[in-house]
Amino acid sequence: MSAPADVTQERAEDRRMALYLVLGQIPSGKVISYGELADLAGLGRAARWVGRTLSQLPADTRLPWHRVLGAGGRLSLAQGTPSGDEQRARLRAEGVSLRNNRVDMSRHGWRPMDHNS
């Protein structure tokens, strides 16, 4: 009865690949929220799952994890932590302005073109 476990593992891998595919498309200087990323990847309301999955990326990943923020542009990685400081440095290097631990989503938010219009 290993089929259900195999199917579950395959679904989890499919979800990760969908997430990584969208994440890899976010251009330099743009950001997106965990919830928006989940939605664009076809994962529904899986913002927390997105956050957990991104936290498990290898240290040498080329995926732009630093461009994913909390709701309303809030930086969810604490300042003064290695990952929080790295995120802030990477965003600043891309020209993203930070103010009061937030990014202006109207200025820096990524909105891929709507293919339905």
C-alpha atoms as a PDB file:
ATOM      1  CA  MET A   1       0.000   0.000   0.000  1.00  0.00           C
ATOM      2  CA  SER A   2       2.773   2.426  -0.875  1.00  0.00           C
ATOM      3  CA  ALA A   3       0.836   4.013  -3.740  1.00  0.00           C
ATOM      4  CA  PRO A   4      -0.897   6.675  -1.591  1.00  0.00           C
ATOM      5  CA  ALA A   5       2.439   7.826  -0.138  1.00  0.00           C
ATOM      6  CA  ASP A   6       3.941   7.938  -3.635  1.00  0.00           C
ATOM      7  CA  VAL A   7       0.980   9.944  -4.923  1.00  0.00           C
ATOM      8  CA  THR A   8       1.191  12.335  -1.962  1.00  0.00           C
ATOM      9  CA  GLN A   9       4.923  12.828  -2.524  1.00  0.00           C
ATOM     10  CA  GLU A  10       4.327  13.447  -6.227  1.00  0.00           C
ATOM     11  CA  ARG A  11       1.678  16.080  -5.444  1.00  0.00           C
ATOM     12  CA  ALA A  12       4.021  17.805  -3.008  1.00  0.00           C
ATOM     13  CA  GLU A  13       6.753  17.879  -5.661  1.00  0.00           C
ATOM     14  CA  ASP A  14       4.274  19.259  -8.229  1.00  0.00           C
ATOM     15  CA  ARG A  15       3.294  22.017  -5.787  1.00  0.00           C
ATOM     16  CA  ARG A  16       6.938  22.925  -5.163  1.00  0.00           C
ATOM     17  CA  MET A  17       7.694  22.996  -8.897  1.00  0.00           C
ATOM     18  CA  ALA A  18       4.682  25.269  -9.570  1.00  0.00           C
ATOM     19  CA  LEU A  19       5.891  27.588  -6.800  1.00  0.00           C
ATOM     20  CA  TYR A  20       9.483  27.657  -8.079  1.00  0.00           C
ATOM     21  CA  LEU A  21       8.327  28.299 -11.653  1.00  0.00           C
ATOM     22  CA  VAL A  22       6.445  31.467 -10.656  1.00  0.00           C
ATOM     23  CA  LEU A  23       9.091  32.551  -8.136  1.00  0.00           C
ATOM     24  CA  GLY A  24      11.766  32.393 -10.826  1.00  0.00           C
ATOM     25  CA  GLN A  25       9.800  34.853 -12.976  1.00  0.00           C
ATOM     26  CA  ILE A  26       9.777  37.721 -10.460  1.00  0.00           C
ATOM     27  CA  PRO A  27      12.042  40.388 -11.952  1.00  0.00           C
ATOM     28  CA  SER A  28      14.772  42.244 -10.117  1.00  0.00           C
ATOM     29  CA  GLY A  29      13.418  45.250  -8.247  1.00  0.00           C
ATOM     30  CA  LYS A  30       9.945  43.742  -7.858  1.00  0.00           C
ATOM     31  CA  VAL A  31       8.335  41.936  -4.931  1.00  0.00           C
ATOM     32  CA  ILE A  32       5.268  39.815  -4.263  1.00  0.00           C
ATOM     33  CA  SER A  33       3.467  38.632  -1.138  1.00  0.00           C
ATOM     34  CA  TYR A  34       3.428  35.013  -0.003  1.00  0.00           C
ATOM     35  CA  GLY A  35      -0.318  34.864  -0.664  1.00  0.00           C
ATOM     36  CA  GLU A  36      -0.080  36.378  -4.151  1.00  0.00           C
ATOM     37  CA  LEU A  37       2.708  33.966  -5.031  1.00  0.00           C
ATOM     38  CA  ALA A  38       0.627  31.010  -3.840  1.00  0.00           C
ATOM     39  CA  ASP A  39      -2.334  32.218  -5.903  1.00  0.00           C
ATOM     40  CA  LEU A  40      -0.283  32.739  -9.073  1.00  0.00           C
ATOM     41  CA  ALA A  41       1.229  29.265  -8.677  1.00  0.00           C
ATOM     42  CA  GLY A  42      -2.271  27.772  -8.530  1.00  0.00           C
ATOM     43  CA  LEU A  43      -1.936  26.808  -4.875  1.00  0.00           C
ATOM     44  CA  GLY A  44      -4.917  28.715  -3.531  1.00  0.00           C
ATOM     45  CA  ARG A  45      -4.635  30.163  -0.059  1.00  0.00           C
ATOM     46  CA  ALA A  46      -1.309  28.563   0.824  1.00  0.00           C
ATOM     47  CA  ALA A  47       0.715  31.587   1.972  1.00  0.00           C
ATOM     48  CA  ARG A  48       2.076  29.824   5.070  1.00  0.00           C
ATOM     49  CA  TRP A  49       3.030  26.755   3.030  1.00  0.00           C
ATOM     50  CA  VAL A  50       4.900  29.052   0.619  1.00  0.00           C
ATOM     51  CA  GLY A  51       6.798  30.594   3.533  1.00  0.00           C
ATOM     52  CA  ARG A  52       7.753  27.211   4.976  1.00  0.00           C
ATOM     53  CA  THR A  53       8.820  25.924   1.561  1.00  0.00           C
ATOM     54  CA  LEU A  54      10.983  28.974   0.860  1.00  0.00           C
ATOM     55  CA  SER A  55      12.621  28.644   4.282  1.00  0.00           C
ATOM     56  CA  GLN A  56      13.776  25.167   3.252  1.00  0.00           C
ATOM     57  CA  LEU A  57      15.564  26.284   0.069  1.00  0.00           C
ATOM     58  CA  PRO A  58      19.277  25.456   0.015  1.00  0.00           C
ATOM     59  CA  ALA A  59      21.616  28.315   0.925  1.00  0.00           C
ATOM     60  CA  ASP A  60      23.054  28.395  -2.613  1.00  0.00           C
ATOM     61  CA  THR A  61      19.689  28.620  -4.390  1.00  0.00           C
ATOM     62  CA  ARG A  62      19.441  30.961  -7.358  1.00  0.00           C
ATOM     63  CA  LEU A  63      15.696  31.452  -6.809  1.00  0.00           C
ATOM     64  CA  PRO A  64      14.856  35.026  -5.714  1.00  0.00           C
ATOM     65  CA  TRP A  65      13.337  34.121  -2.321  1.00  0.00           C
ATOM     66  CA  HIS A  66      14.171  37.598  -1.035  1.00  0.00           C
ATOM     67  CA  ARG A  67      11.502  39.116  -3.300  1.00  0.00           C
ATOM     68  CA  VAL A  68       8.679  37.442  -1.365  1.00  0.00           C
ATOM     69  CA  LEU A  69       7.175  39.469   1.477  1.00  0.00           C
ATOM     70  CA  GLY A  70       4.364  39.339   3.975  1.00  0.00           C
ATOM     71  CA  ALA A  71       0.972  40.893   3.319  1.00  0.00           C
ATOM     72  CA  GLY A  72       1.026  44.602   2.593  1.00  0.00           C
ATOM     73  CA  GLY A  73       4.741  44.555   1.790  1.00  0.00           C
ATOM     74  CA  ARG A  74       5.811  43.670   5.337  1.00  0.00           C
ATOM     75  CA  LEU A  75       9.250  42.104   5.677  1.00  0.00           C
ATOM     76  CA  SER A  76       8.603  38.972   7.710  1.00  0.00           C
ATOM     77  CA  LEU A  77      12.245  38.018   8.282  1.00  0.00           C
ATOM     78  CA  ALA A  78      13.504  39.766  11.398  1.00  0.00           C
ATOM     79  CA  GLN A  79      16.084  42.503  11.088  1.00  0.00           C
ATOM     80  CA  GLY A  80      19.326  41.485  12.797  1.00  0.00           C
ATOM     81  CA  THR A  81      19.038  37.844  11.698  1.00  0.00           C
ATOM     82  CA  PRO A  82      21.278  36.498   8.918  1.00  0.00           C
ATOM     83  CA  SER A  83      18.363  35.806   6.560  1.00  0.00           C
ATOM     84  CA  GLY A  84      16.585  39.066   7.413  1.00  0.00           C
ATOM     85  CA  ASP A  85      19.705  41.144   6.864  1.00  0.00           C
ATOM     86  CA  GLU A  86      20.459  39.313   3.614  1.00  0.00           C
ATOM     87  CA  GLN A  87      16.922  39.929   2.347  1.00  0.00           C
ATOM     88  CA  ARG A  88      17.161  43.643   3.107  1.00  0.00           C
ATOM     89  CA  ALA A  89      20.600  43.935   1.467  1.00  0.00           C
ATOM     90  CA  ARG A  90      19.451  42.092  -1.668  1.00  0.00           C
ATOM     91  CA  LEU A  91      16.314  44.215  -1.993  1.00  0.00           C
ATOM     92  CA  ARG A  92      18.261  47.459  -1.555  1.00  0.00           C
ATOM     93  CA  ALA A  93      20.814  46.297  -4.136  1.00  0.00           C
ATOM     94  CA  GLU A  94      17.920  45.871  -6.593  1.00  0.00           C
ATOM     95  CA  GLY A  95      16.663  49.399  -5.915  1.00  0.00           C
ATOM     96  CA  VAL A  96      13.758  48.417  -3.677  1.00  0.00           C
ATOM     97  CA  SER A  97      13.204  51.055  -1.005  1.00  0.00           C
ATOM     98  CA  LEU A  98      12.374  49.933   2.532  1.00  0.00           C
ATOM     99  CA  ARG A  99      10.558  52.106   5.041  1.00  0.00           C
ATOM    100  CA  ASN A 100       9.372  51.083   8.501  1.00  0.00           C
ATOM    101  CA  ASN A 101      10.084  47.424   7.721  1.00  0.00           C
ATOM    102  CA  ARG A 102       7.842  47.592   4.635  1.00  0.00           C
ATOM    103  CA  VAL A 103       8.075  47.860   0.878  1.00  0.00           C
ATOM    104  CA  ASP A 104       5.663  50.065  -1.069  1.00  0.00           C
ATOM    105  CA  MET A 105       3.733  47.417  -3.019  1.00  0.00           C
ATOM    106  CA  SER A 106       2.165  49.991  -5.344  1.00  0.00           C
ATOM    107  CA  ARG A 107       5.667  50.980  -6.445  1.00  0.00           C
ATOM    108  CA  HIS A 108       7.576  47.684  -6.252  1.00  0.00           C
ATOM    109  CA  GLY A 109       4.837  45.043  -6.393  1.00  0.00           C
ATOM    110  CA  TRP A 110       5.036  42.548  -9.251  1.00  0.00           C
ATOM    111  CA  ARG A 111       1.900  42.149 -11.297  1.00  0.00           C
ATOM    112  CA  PRO A 112       2.420  39.788 -14.202  1.00  0.00           C
ATOM    113  CA  MET A 113       0.381  40.594 -17.262  1.00  0.00           C
ATOM    114  CA  ASP A 114      -3.145  39.251 -17.204  1.00  0.00           C
ATOM    115  CA  HIS A 115      -3.388  36.931 -20.198  1.00  0.00           C
ATOM    116  CA  ASN A 116      -7.203  36.976 -20.099  1.00  0.00           C
ATOM    117  CA  SER A 117      -7.521  40.590 -21.179  1.00  0.00           C
END
